[in-house]
Amino acid sequence: MSSDTIFGFLYEFLGQFFGSLWSIVVALFTGIGNAFNFAEYGRIISSYTTKLGGLGWVIAVLAIVVLAAVLVLLVFLVVMSLKKFFRFRKKAGSTNDLIQEVNALNKEVMRLNLEKDKILSMKISQIGLNPNEISQLTGEEMDALNNQEEVLEDGGCRFFKLNEVDQKWANYVPPEYDNEITLEQICDTFRNFACSKMRLYYDIKIIRLFLASFASTRLIILQGISGTGKTSLPYAFGKFLQNDAIITSIQPSWRDRTELFGYFNEFTKKYNETELLRAMYEATYNENIYLVILDEMNIARVEYYFAEMLSILEMPSRDEWVVDLVPNVWDTDPKHIQNGKLYLPENMWYIGTANNDDSTFAITDKVYDRAMPIEINTKGIPFDAPQTGPINLNYKHLEEMLNTAKRENLVSDASLKKVEMLDDYVIEHFRLAFGNRIVKQMREFIPAFVGCGGSELDGLDYVLARKVLRKFESLNLSFIRDEIDGLCDYLDQLFGRENMLECKDYLRRLQKLV
């Protein structure tokens, strides 16, 4: 086979395709050229000028207008297509630039995080810095680190507020305390003081319950409807004792002990001290009575932020009332911080106020069992009282009076026997029982209440209503409604129809909730 034959085959075979493709291209451009050949349009119009009549010229003009509109539309579509094409190319280029910039910023963030972690690890472990590491630090970070190093080298203090307390109370001279006053006189005098000096009116029974609670627990819960004086009662009592109460407003975010005691910042080497911690430390310098108001205590879960305090205050020996603040010892630590520990002051009581609404948490049995709840659901009725001033009361004298009341006003055997019988009745009909802690509080609270001017039955009535019958709220009230009538009758049999009014009123309210 000759080369001419092969060449001829390829020419004809490929020529068929490429020739047709070329014909398409030529025809396309020829068509576009003919579509915009305005000279040919002019020739055609000239050749028909003598042949067209009046109506013919109208049709011809319309055809010219339509053709012109079509040509303009084609040009417009081509121009818009080109604009969109170039705009898309530009946007794609900008997107690529943004992606590259974001990637660069992410790398910078990662680098800064690594530097921050390196700084923190070096400061926490208290190791030295080598020159390479120093050169990588930013100016602000280096200034902060240098300042911290200077503080550490100078033996700086980490408890600023507590060291100020050391200086303030270094030359403290205690006042002359009123060691002749009695519990009943304290109740009457405080009631007159609140009326005459602060225009606050309290029923004498509320004051007796409040003061008697000091004998049984360190945590007192004042609860009831808003606006009845729950916060003002301990506040006024602080004014009465000439030692203002410390108001700690609970926040919904509180979850642990650091909200009460603060915490040690490993980075700054400073202890973030709370006002409550400062007050606790100050209380170790004197024998005044300190009241801490945990305002709106159940706006957060009490068993979270107050859990450690609940456990510590239950310890039988006050030598065990210890809170660990820091794990080591510095020479500049406050005088009364021993081995990083603070001994809770014996002269401090904690008064929580609680509202029961949709914005608060229910207080659990764990908290209620360790506290003494006092209901304040009525406003005080105004009365006239003589002008009465404050007093100076030593906490040791108060505890001595409370202990004396416990010895002299022991709960009678008859009342204790009736309590046992009531316990058996409640177990049988309601499957509930109260533990030894409540019995212990009963033996401490009721004598103190009698010492404050109350009666044994009224004190017993209140404890049973607030510490025992309160547990009925956890039951299905619809199932025990009929049993409540039987319990009220049993209370009448044990204590008499004219007594135990607090318990019976509480049970009747439970019935109405069904």
Protein backbone atom coordinates (compact mmCIF):
# COMPACT_ATOMS: atom_id res chain seq x y z
CA MET A 1 0.00 0.00 0.00
CA SER A 2 1.44 3.33 -1.10
CA SER A 3 1.77 6.44 1.05
CA ASP A 4 -0.51 8.35 -1.33
CA THR A 5 -3.30 5.94 -0.52
CA ILE A 6 -2.88 6.36 3.26
CA PHE A 7 -2.66 10.15 2.94
CA GLY A 8 -5.73 10.21 0.77
CA PHE A 9 -7.70 8.15 3.33
CA LEU A 10 -6.75 10.36 6.24
CA TYR A 11 -7.47 13.52 4.27
CA GLU A 12 -10.95 12.46 3.28
CA PHE A 13 -11.82 10.80 6.66
CA LEU A 14 -10.68 13.60 8.94
CA GLY A 15 -11.67 16.24 6.43
CA GLN A 16 -15.27 15.11 6.71
CA PHE A 17 -15.31 16.06 10.47
CA PHE A 18 -13.09 19.13 10.53
CA GLY A 19 -14.59 20.42 7.29
CA SER A 20 -18.07 20.21 8.77
CA LEU A 21 -16.86 21.86 11.99
CA TRP A 22 -15.27 24.65 9.97
CA SER A 23 -18.47 25.03 7.97
CA ILE A 24 -20.37 25.48 11.25
CA VAL A 25 -17.93 28.16 12.47
CA VAL A 26 -17.97 29.91 9.10
CA ALA A 27 -21.75 29.72 8.91
CA LEU A 28 -22.04 31.07 12.49
CA PHE A 29 -19.88 34.09 11.83
CA THR A 30 -21.46 34.52 8.39
CA GLY A 31 -24.89 34.44 10.02
CA ILE A 32 -23.85 36.98 12.64
CA GLY A 33 -22.32 39.19 9.94
CA ASN A 34 -25.43 38.95 7.78
CA ALA A 35 -27.67 39.66 10.83
CA PHE A 36 -25.81 42.93 11.41
CA ASN A 37 -25.27 43.78 7.70
CA PHE A 38 -27.01 47.16 7.81
CA ALA A 39 -25.89 47.99 4.21
CA GLU A 40 -27.90 45.04 2.87
CA TYR A 41 -30.91 46.18 4.95
CA GLY A 42 -30.56 49.62 3.34
CA ARG A 43 -30.37 48.12 -0.19
CA ILE A 44 -33.52 46.10 0.36
CA ILE A 45 -35.42 49.14 1.62
CA SER A 46 -34.22 51.20 -1.38
CA SER A 47 -35.29 48.55 -3.88
CA TYR A 48 -38.88 48.61 -2.53
CA THR A 49 -39.38 52.34 -2.05
CA THR A 50 -41.23 52.71 -5.34
CA LYS A 51 -43.31 49.56 -4.92
CA LEU A 52 -44.68 50.04 -1.34
CA GLY A 53 -47.91 51.96 -0.84
CA GLY A 54 -49.27 53.65 2.31
CA LEU A 55 -50.18 50.46 4.17
CA GLY A 56 -47.04 48.75 2.92
CA TRP A 57 -44.85 51.45 4.45
CA VAL A 58 -46.62 51.04 7.81
CA ILE A 59 -45.88 47.30 7.76
CA ALA A 60 -42.29 47.98 6.64
CA VAL A 61 -41.72 50.44 9.48
CA LEU A 62 -43.09 47.93 12.02
CA ALA A 63 -40.78 45.24 10.65
CA ILE A 64 -37.80 47.59 10.93
CA VAL A 65 -38.71 48.45 14.56
CA VAL A 66 -39.14 44.78 15.53
CA LEU A 67 -35.85 43.85 13.90
CA ALA A 68 -34.06 46.71 15.64
CA ALA A 69 -35.52 45.63 19.02
CA VAL A 70 -34.39 42.03 18.46
CA LEU A 71 -30.86 43.16 17.60
CA VAL A 72 -30.70 45.44 20.65
CA LEU A 73 -31.95 42.58 22.86
CA LEU A 74 -29.28 40.24 21.49
CA VAL A 75 -26.57 42.82 22.16
CA PHE A 76 -27.94 43.39 25.68
CA LEU A 77 -27.93 39.65 26.47
CA VAL A 78 -24.36 39.28 25.24
CA VAL A 79 -23.17 42.24 27.32
CA MET A 80 -24.93 40.99 30.48
CA SER A 81 -23.50 37.50 30.01
CA LEU A 82 -20.00 38.90 29.74
CA LYS A 83 -20.53 41.01 32.89
CA LYS A 84 -21.74 38.02 34.86
CA PHE A 85 -18.84 35.96 33.66
CA PHE A 86 -16.23 38.50 34.73
CA ARG A 87 -18.06 39.17 38.02
CA PHE A 88 -18.06 35.44 38.82
CA ARG A 89 -14.37 35.25 38.07
CA LYS A 90 -13.72 38.21 40.37
CA LYS A 91 -15.91 36.74 43.19
CA ALA A 92 -14.18 33.40 42.92
CA GLY A 93 -10.86 35.16 43.24
CA SER A 94 -12.08 37.11 46.33
CA THR A 95 -13.38 33.88 47.93
CA ASN A 96 -10.00 32.26 47.50
CA ASP A 97 -8.36 35.29 49.09
CA LEU A 98 -10.76 35.13 52.07
CA ILE A 99 -10.14 31.40 52.53
CA GLN A 100 -6.42 32.01 52.56
CA GLU A 101 -6.85 34.86 55.07
CA VAL A 102 -9.05 32.71 57.38
CA ASN A 103 -6.51 29.91 57.27
CA ALA A 104 -3.77 32.37 58.17
CA LEU A 105 -5.83 33.74 61.11
CA ASN A 106 -6.55 30.19 62.36
CA LYS A 107 -2.86 29.44 62.33
CA GLU A 108 -2.20 32.66 64.27
CA VAL A 109 -4.86 31.74 66.88
CA MET A 110 -3.33 28.30 67.30
CA ARG A 111 0.10 29.87 67.73
CA LEU A 112 -1.17 32.31 70.37
CA ASN A 113 -2.99 29.51 72.24
CA LEU A 114 0.21 27.49 72.32
CA GLU A 115 2.08 30.50 73.69
CA LYS A 116 -0.61 31.07 76.34
CA ASP A 117 -0.53 27.42 77.42
CA LYS A 118 3.24 27.56 77.58
CA ILE A 119 3.10 30.67 79.81
CA LEU A 120 0.49 29.14 82.11
CA SER A 121 2.37 25.88 82.46
CA MET A 122 5.58 27.69 83.25
CA LYS A 123 3.98 29.92 85.89
CA ILE A 124 1.90 27.18 87.50
CA SER A 125 4.85 24.86 87.84
CA GLN A 126 7.04 27.82 88.89
CA ILE A 127 9.92 26.83 86.64
CA GLY A 128 12.40 29.26 85.12
CA LEU A 129 12.30 30.70 81.60
CA ASN A 130 15.08 30.17 79.11
CA PRO A 131 16.00 32.89 76.59
CA ASN A 132 14.29 31.16 73.66
CA GLU A 133 11.00 30.99 75.52
CA ILE A 134 11.30 34.60 76.69
CA SER A 135 11.77 35.82 73.15
CA GLN A 136 8.50 34.18 72.11
CA LEU A 137 6.38 36.02 74.68
CA THR A 138 4.40 39.15 73.81
CA GLY A 139 5.12 42.41 75.57
CA GLU A 140 2.00 42.47 77.77
CA GLU A 141 2.47 38.88 78.86
CA MET A 142 6.09 39.53 79.76
CA ASP A 143 5.15 42.60 81.80
CA ALA A 144 2.55 40.59 83.71
CA LEU A 145 4.98 37.77 84.36
CA ASN A 146 7.71 40.13 85.47
CA ASN A 147 5.33 41.83 87.90
CA GLN A 148 4.31 38.46 89.34
CA GLU A 149 7.96 37.43 89.71
CA GLU A 150 8.67 40.66 91.58
CA VAL A 151 5.73 40.00 93.93
CA LEU A 152 6.90 36.45 94.58
CA GLU A 153 10.51 37.50 95.14
CA ASP A 154 9.39 40.25 97.53
CA GLY A 155 7.33 37.77 99.55
CA GLY A 156 4.03 39.48 98.58
CA CYS A 157 0.81 38.54 100.35
CA ARG A 158 -1.92 36.54 98.65
CA PHE A 159 -4.70 37.43 101.14
CA PHE A 160 -5.09 41.19 100.75
CA LYS A 161 -8.40 41.62 102.63
CA LEU A 162 -7.45 39.24 105.45
CA ASN A 163 -4.11 40.97 106.01
CA GLU A 164 -6.01 44.25 106.26
CA VAL A 165 -8.14 42.66 108.99
CA ASP A 166 -4.95 41.72 110.86
CA GLN A 167 -3.86 45.35 110.81
CA LYS A 168 -7.29 46.74 111.71
CA TRP A 169 -7.82 44.47 114.72
CA ALA A 170 -4.24 44.37 115.99
CA ASN A 171 -4.99 46.71 118.90
CA TYR A 172 -8.64 45.78 119.43
CA VAL A 173 -10.11 46.49 122.85
CA PRO A 174 -13.40 44.64 123.52
CA PRO A 175 -16.37 46.69 124.72
CA GLU A 176 -18.18 46.14 127.96
CA TYR A 177 -20.75 43.46 127.29
CA ASP A 178 -24.15 43.26 128.94
CA ASN A 179 -23.72 39.96 130.77
CA GLU A 180 -26.73 40.44 133.02
CA ILE A 181 -29.44 40.36 130.37
CA THR A 182 -31.65 37.25 130.05
CA LEU A 183 -33.05 35.51 126.98
CA GLU A 184 -36.55 36.81 127.65
CA GLN A 185 -35.24 40.33 128.12
CA ILE A 186 -33.33 40.09 124.81
CA CYS A 187 -36.57 39.18 123.01
CA ASP A 188 -38.58 42.02 124.57
CA THR A 189 -35.80 44.59 124.20
CA PHE A 190 -35.15 43.69 120.55
CA ARG A 191 -38.86 43.91 119.73
CA ASN A 192 -39.01 47.41 121.22
CA PHE A 193 -35.77 48.41 119.49
CA ALA A 194 -37.02 47.28 116.07
CA CYS A 195 -40.26 49.19 116.62
CA SER A 196 -38.84 52.42 118.02
CA LYS A 197 -35.65 52.72 115.94
CA MET A 198 -36.44 50.96 112.67
CA ARG A 199 -40.24 50.97 112.42
CA LEU A 200 -40.26 47.19 112.09
CA TYR A 201 -43.00 45.30 113.89
CA TYR A 202 -42.57 41.67 114.86
CA ASP A 203 -44.79 39.33 116.81
CA ILE A 204 -43.04 38.30 120.02
CA LYS A 205 -43.43 34.63 119.09
CA ILE A 206 -41.40 35.12 115.89
CA ILE A 207 -38.59 36.71 117.90
CA ARG A 208 -38.64 33.87 120.44
CA LEU A 209 -38.50 31.28 117.66
CA PHE A 210 -35.63 33.16 116.02
CA LEU A 211 -33.52 33.45 119.16
CA ALA A 212 -34.28 29.91 120.35
CA SER A 213 -33.08 28.56 116.99
CA PHE A 214 -29.56 29.71 117.91
CA ALA A 215 -29.49 26.88 120.45
CA SER A 216 -30.15 24.01 118.01
CA THR A 217 -28.38 24.85 114.77
CA ARG A 218 -26.10 27.32 112.99
CA LEU A 219 -28.37 27.50 109.95
CA ILE A 220 -31.75 29.19 110.25
CA ILE A 221 -34.13 29.43 107.29
CA LEU A 222 -36.66 32.25 107.21
CA GLN A 223 -39.31 31.44 104.63
CA GLY A 224 -42.71 32.67 103.60
CA ILE A 225 -44.37 35.10 101.24
CA SER A 226 -42.44 38.09 99.95
CA GLY A 227 -42.54 41.35 101.90
CA THR A 228 -43.11 39.96 105.40
CA GLY A 229 -39.72 40.98 106.82
CA LYS A 230 -37.60 37.86 106.35
CA THR A 231 -34.43 39.78 105.48
CA SER A 232 -35.13 42.70 107.78
CA LEU A 233 -35.37 40.47 110.88
CA PRO A 234 -31.69 39.38 110.98
CA TYR A 235 -30.66 42.78 109.60
CA ALA A 236 -32.41 44.54 112.48
CA PHE A 237 -30.97 42.04 114.97
CA GLY A 238 -27.48 42.91 113.72
CA LYS A 239 -28.22 46.60 114.32
CA PHE A 240 -29.54 45.70 117.77
CA LEU A 241 -26.24 43.96 118.59
CA GLN A 242 -24.22 46.86 117.08
CA ASN A 243 -22.60 44.46 114.61
CA ASP A 244 -24.16 44.75 111.17
CA ALA A 245 -25.22 41.52 109.48
CA ILE A 246 -23.26 40.45 106.41
CA ILE A 247 -25.64 40.25 103.46
CA THR A 248 -24.62 37.69 100.83
CA SER A 249 -26.88 37.80 97.78
CA ILE A 250 -27.08 34.34 96.28
CA GLN A 251 -26.79 34.15 92.47
CA PRO A 252 -28.50 31.54 90.24
CA SER A 253 -25.11 30.40 88.91
CA TRP A 254 -23.69 29.36 92.29
CA ARG A 255 -22.69 25.70 92.26
CA ASP A 256 -19.80 25.15 94.66
CA ARG A 257 -17.97 26.41 97.76
CA THR A 258 -15.82 28.92 95.86
CA GLU A 259 -18.82 31.27 95.74
CA LEU A 260 -18.66 31.50 99.55
CA PHE A 261 -14.94 31.27 100.31
CA GLY A 262 -13.31 32.41 97.08
CA TYR A 263 -10.40 30.60 95.43
CA PHE A 264 -6.67 30.78 94.84
CA ASN A 265 -5.71 31.96 91.34
CA GLU A 266 -2.70 29.94 90.24
CA PHE A 267 -1.82 32.42 87.53
CA THR A 268 -1.87 35.64 89.55
CA LYS A 269 -0.80 33.94 92.80
CA LYS A 270 -3.54 35.84 94.61
CA TYR A 271 -6.52 34.54 96.58
CA ASN A 272 -9.85 35.92 95.37
CA GLU A 273 -11.44 36.74 98.73
CA THR A 274 -15.18 37.08 99.20
CA GLU A 275 -16.82 39.43 101.66
CA LEU A 276 -18.09 36.42 103.58
CA LEU A 277 -14.55 35.07 103.98
CA ARG A 278 -13.40 38.45 105.24
CA ALA A 279 -16.25 38.51 107.79
CA MET A 280 -15.44 34.96 108.92
CA TYR A 281 -11.84 35.92 109.47
CA GLU A 282 -12.77 39.11 111.30
CA ALA A 283 -15.05 37.13 113.62
CA THR A 284 -12.03 35.19 114.89
CA TYR A 285 -10.70 38.41 116.46
CA ASN A 286 -13.59 39.14 118.83
CA GLU A 287 -16.54 37.70 120.74
CA ASN A 288 -19.30 39.66 119.05
CA ILE A 289 -22.24 37.83 117.47
CA TYR A 290 -22.03 37.68 113.66
CA LEU A 291 -25.01 37.05 111.41
CA VAL A 292 -24.63 36.12 107.74
CA ILE A 293 -27.76 36.66 105.64
CA LEU A 294 -27.92 34.25 102.69
CA ASP A 295 -30.44 36.32 100.78
CA GLU A 296 -32.68 34.36 98.39
CA MET A 297 -30.74 31.24 99.33
CA ASN A 298 -32.81 28.88 97.15
CA ILE A 299 -32.41 30.85 93.92
CA ALA A 300 -29.56 28.35 93.45
CA ARG A 301 -29.37 24.81 94.83
CA VAL A 302 -28.42 25.11 98.50
CA GLU A 303 -27.03 21.57 98.63
CA TYR A 304 -24.48 22.56 95.95
CA TYR A 305 -22.82 25.73 97.20
CA PHE A 306 -23.48 25.15 100.93
CA ALA A 307 -22.76 21.39 101.00
CA GLU A 308 -19.39 21.65 102.73
CA MET A 309 -20.74 24.02 105.37
CA LEU A 310 -23.64 21.66 106.10
CA SER A 311 -21.19 18.85 106.75
CA ILE A 312 -18.70 20.88 108.78
CA LEU A 313 -21.29 22.46 111.07
CA GLU A 314 -22.62 18.98 111.88
CA MET A 315 -19.28 17.99 113.43
CA PRO A 316 -19.69 17.46 117.18
CA SER A 317 -16.34 19.05 118.02
CA ARG A 318 -15.73 22.65 117.05
CA ASP A 319 -12.08 21.78 116.55
CA GLU A 320 -13.30 20.06 113.38
CA TRP A 321 -14.94 23.19 112.00
CA VAL A 322 -12.12 23.70 109.52
CA VAL A 323 -12.10 24.87 105.88
CA ASP A 324 -9.10 24.23 103.62
CA LEU A 325 -8.27 27.41 101.70
CA VAL A 326 -4.80 26.80 100.23
CA PRO A 327 -2.58 23.70 100.09
CA ASN A 328 0.64 25.35 101.28
CA VAL A 329 1.96 27.99 103.68
CA TRP A 330 3.46 31.39 102.91
CA ASP A 331 5.25 33.56 105.44
CA THR A 332 2.90 36.45 104.59
CA ASP A 333 -0.31 34.51 105.22
CA PRO A 334 -2.77 36.06 107.74
CA LYS A 335 -2.17 35.27 111.39
CA HIS A 336 -5.28 33.16 111.88
CA ILE A 337 -4.77 31.04 108.75
CA GLN A 338 -3.03 27.95 110.09
CA ASN A 339 -1.42 25.59 107.59
CA GLY A 340 -3.66 26.95 104.87
CA LYS A 341 -6.80 26.28 106.94
CA LEU A 342 -9.40 28.59 108.44
CA TYR A 343 -11.24 27.57 111.61
CA LEU A 344 -14.87 28.61 111.27
CA PRO A 345 -15.77 31.17 113.93
CA GLU A 346 -17.91 29.95 116.81
CA ASN A 347 -19.68 33.30 117.04
CA MET A 348 -21.28 33.20 113.57
CA TRP A 349 -24.78 32.07 112.55
CA TYR A 350 -26.09 31.75 108.99
CA ILE A 351 -29.60 33.04 108.24
CA GLY A 352 -31.09 32.04 104.90
CA THR A 353 -34.16 33.69 103.40
CA ALA A 354 -36.28 31.63 101.01
CA ASN A 355 -39.22 32.33 98.75
CA ASN A 356 -41.21 29.51 97.20
CA ASP A 357 -42.08 30.44 93.61
CA ASP A 358 -41.28 29.45 90.03
CA SER A 359 -37.90 31.21 90.08
CA THR A 360 -36.48 29.18 92.99
CA PHE A 361 -35.47 25.59 93.76
CA ALA A 362 -37.13 23.44 96.38
CA ILE A 363 -35.03 23.11 99.53
CA THR A 364 -34.22 19.44 100.05
CA ASP A 365 -34.68 17.36 103.21
CA LYS A 366 -30.90 17.26 103.61
CA VAL A 367 -30.90 21.02 104.18
CA TYR A 368 -34.14 21.22 106.16
CA ASP A 369 -33.06 18.49 108.58
CA ARG A 370 -29.90 20.41 109.46
CA ALA A 371 -31.61 23.81 109.74
CA MET A 372 -34.39 25.37 111.75
CA PRO A 373 -37.07 26.76 109.41
CA ILE A 374 -39.19 29.67 110.60
CA GLU A 375 -42.33 30.64 108.72
CA ILE A 376 -43.08 34.37 108.37
CA ASN A 377 -46.31 34.68 106.41
CA THR A 378 -47.95 37.71 108.05
CA LYS A 379 -46.99 41.35 108.30
CA GLY A 380 -46.31 42.73 111.74
CA ILE A 381 -49.04 44.74 113.39
CA PRO A 382 -47.85 48.26 114.39
CA PHE A 383 -47.71 48.98 118.11
CA ASP A 384 -46.26 51.60 120.44
CA ALA A 385 -42.95 50.91 122.13
CA PRO A 386 -40.64 52.98 124.35
CA GLN A 387 -37.45 54.32 122.84
CA THR A 388 -34.98 51.47 123.18
CA GLY A 389 -31.29 51.44 122.30
CA PRO A 390 -28.98 48.64 121.13
CA ILE A 391 -26.94 46.34 123.37
CA ASN A 392 -23.51 44.73 123.40
CA LEU A 393 -23.92 40.98 123.63
CA ASN A 394 -21.10 38.51 124.01
CA TYR A 395 -21.65 35.25 122.11
CA LYS A 396 -20.27 33.26 125.04
CA HIS A 397 -22.86 34.80 127.32
CA LEU A 398 -25.60 33.99 124.78
CA GLU A 399 -24.45 30.37 124.54
CA GLU A 400 -24.22 30.16 128.31
CA MET A 401 -27.83 31.36 128.63
CA LEU A 402 -28.97 28.88 125.98
CA ASN A 403 -27.13 26.00 127.69
CA THR A 404 -28.61 27.00 131.03
CA ALA A 405 -32.08 26.95 129.48
CA LYS A 406 -31.40 23.45 128.13
CA ARG A 407 -30.56 22.24 131.63
CA GLU A 408 -33.36 24.03 133.46
CA ASN A 409 -36.19 23.53 130.94
CA LEU A 410 -35.78 19.94 129.93
CA VAL A 411 -38.55 18.59 127.74
CA SER A 412 -40.88 16.68 130.04
CA ASP A 413 -41.03 12.90 129.91
CA ALA A 414 -44.76 13.14 129.24
CA SER A 415 -44.17 15.22 126.10
CA LEU A 416 -41.40 12.91 124.90
CA LYS A 417 -43.68 9.90 125.40
CA LYS A 418 -46.41 11.58 123.37
CA VAL A 419 -43.88 12.33 120.63
CA GLU A 420 -42.96 8.63 120.50
CA MET A 421 -46.63 7.68 120.24
CA LEU A 422 -47.10 10.26 117.47
CA ASP A 423 -44.05 8.84 115.67
CA ASP A 424 -45.57 5.36 115.76
CA TYR A 425 -48.88 6.69 114.43
CA VAL A 426 -47.19 8.53 111.54
CA ILE A 427 -45.14 5.45 110.63
CA GLU A 428 -48.23 3.24 110.59
CA HIS A 429 -50.51 5.53 108.59
CA PHE A 430 -48.12 7.56 106.44
CA ARG A 431 -44.95 5.42 106.23
CA LEU A 432 -42.84 8.35 107.47
CA ALA A 433 -40.47 8.64 110.41
CA PHE A 434 -38.15 11.30 111.78
CA GLY A 435 -34.58 10.58 112.77
CA ASN A 436 -32.41 11.19 115.79
CA ARG A 437 -31.25 14.55 114.47
CA ILE A 438 -34.76 16.01 114.76
CA VAL A 439 -35.16 14.58 118.26
CA LYS A 440 -31.83 16.15 119.25
CA GLN A 441 -32.89 19.53 117.85
CA MET A 442 -36.18 19.21 119.69
CA ARG A 443 -34.37 18.70 123.01
CA GLU A 444 -32.25 21.80 122.32
CA PHE A 445 -34.78 24.14 120.74
CA ILE A 446 -37.77 23.68 123.05
CA PRO A 447 -35.90 24.48 126.33
CA ALA A 448 -34.42 27.59 124.69
CA PHE A 449 -37.88 28.63 123.48
CA VAL A 450 -39.18 28.27 127.02
CA GLY A 451 -36.22 30.32 128.26
CA CYS A 452 -37.20 33.06 125.80
CA GLY A 453 -40.67 33.25 127.36
CA GLY A 454 -42.59 30.64 125.37
CA SER A 455 -44.29 27.45 126.52
CA GLU A 456 -43.18 23.86 126.06
CA LEU A 457 -46.26 22.83 124.10
CA ASP A 458 -45.95 25.82 121.74
CA GLY A 459 -42.31 24.94 121.09
CA LEU A 460 -43.15 21.28 120.55
CA ASP A 461 -46.04 22.26 118.29
CA TYR A 462 -43.75 24.37 116.12
CA VAL A 463 -41.00 21.75 115.80
CA LEU A 464 -43.43 19.00 114.87
CA ALA A 465 -45.14 21.20 112.27
CA ARG A 466 -41.95 22.48 110.62
CA LYS A 467 -39.62 19.49 111.00
CA VAL A 468 -41.90 16.43 110.91
CA LEU A 469 -45.24 17.18 109.26
CA ARG A 470 -43.45 19.19 106.58
CA LYS A 471 -42.28 15.87 105.15
CA PHE A 472 -45.90 15.16 104.10
CA GLU A 473 -45.35 17.51 101.15
CA SER A 474 -43.26 14.79 99.50
CA LEU A 475 -46.21 12.35 99.61
CA ASN A 476 -49.13 12.05 97.22
CA LEU A 477 -51.60 14.28 99.05
CA SER A 478 -54.62 12.80 97.28
CA PHE A 479 -53.86 9.40 98.87
CA ILE A 480 -53.41 10.72 102.41
CA ARG A 481 -56.22 13.28 102.48
CA ASP A 482 -58.58 11.09 104.48
CA GLU A 483 -55.77 10.08 106.85
CA ILE A 484 -55.11 13.72 107.74
CA ASP A 485 -58.44 13.99 109.57
CA GLY A 486 -57.49 10.98 111.66
CA LEU A 487 -54.11 12.53 112.50
CA CYS A 488 -55.76 15.77 113.66
CA ASP A 489 -58.06 13.77 115.92
CA TYR A 490 -55.07 11.86 117.29
CA LEU A 491 -53.29 15.15 118.07
CA ASP A 492 -56.37 16.25 120.02
CA GLN A 493 -56.30 13.00 122.01
CA LEU A 494 -52.61 13.32 122.87
CA PHE A 495 -52.27 17.03 123.57
CA GLY A 496 -55.80 18.40 123.94
CA ARG A 497 -58.07 20.16 121.49
CA GLU A 498 -56.83 23.63 122.49
CA ASN A 499 -53.15 22.76 121.80
CA MET A 500 -51.02 21.90 118.74
CA LEU A 501 -52.74 24.57 116.65
CA GLU A 502 -49.68 25.04 114.43
CA CYS A 503 -49.71 21.35 113.44
CA LYS A 504 -53.43 21.24 112.79
CA ASP A 505 -53.44 24.45 110.76
CA TYR A 506 -50.60 23.08 108.64
CA LEU A 507 -52.43 19.79 108.04
CA ARG A 508 -55.62 21.62 107.07
CA ARG A 509 -53.68 23.66 104.50
CA LEU A 510 -52.31 20.44 103.02
CA GLN A 511 -55.86 19.14 102.63
CA LYS A 512 -56.86 22.24 100.68
CA LEU A 513 -54.02 21.65 98.21
CA VAL A 514 -55.58 18.39 97.01
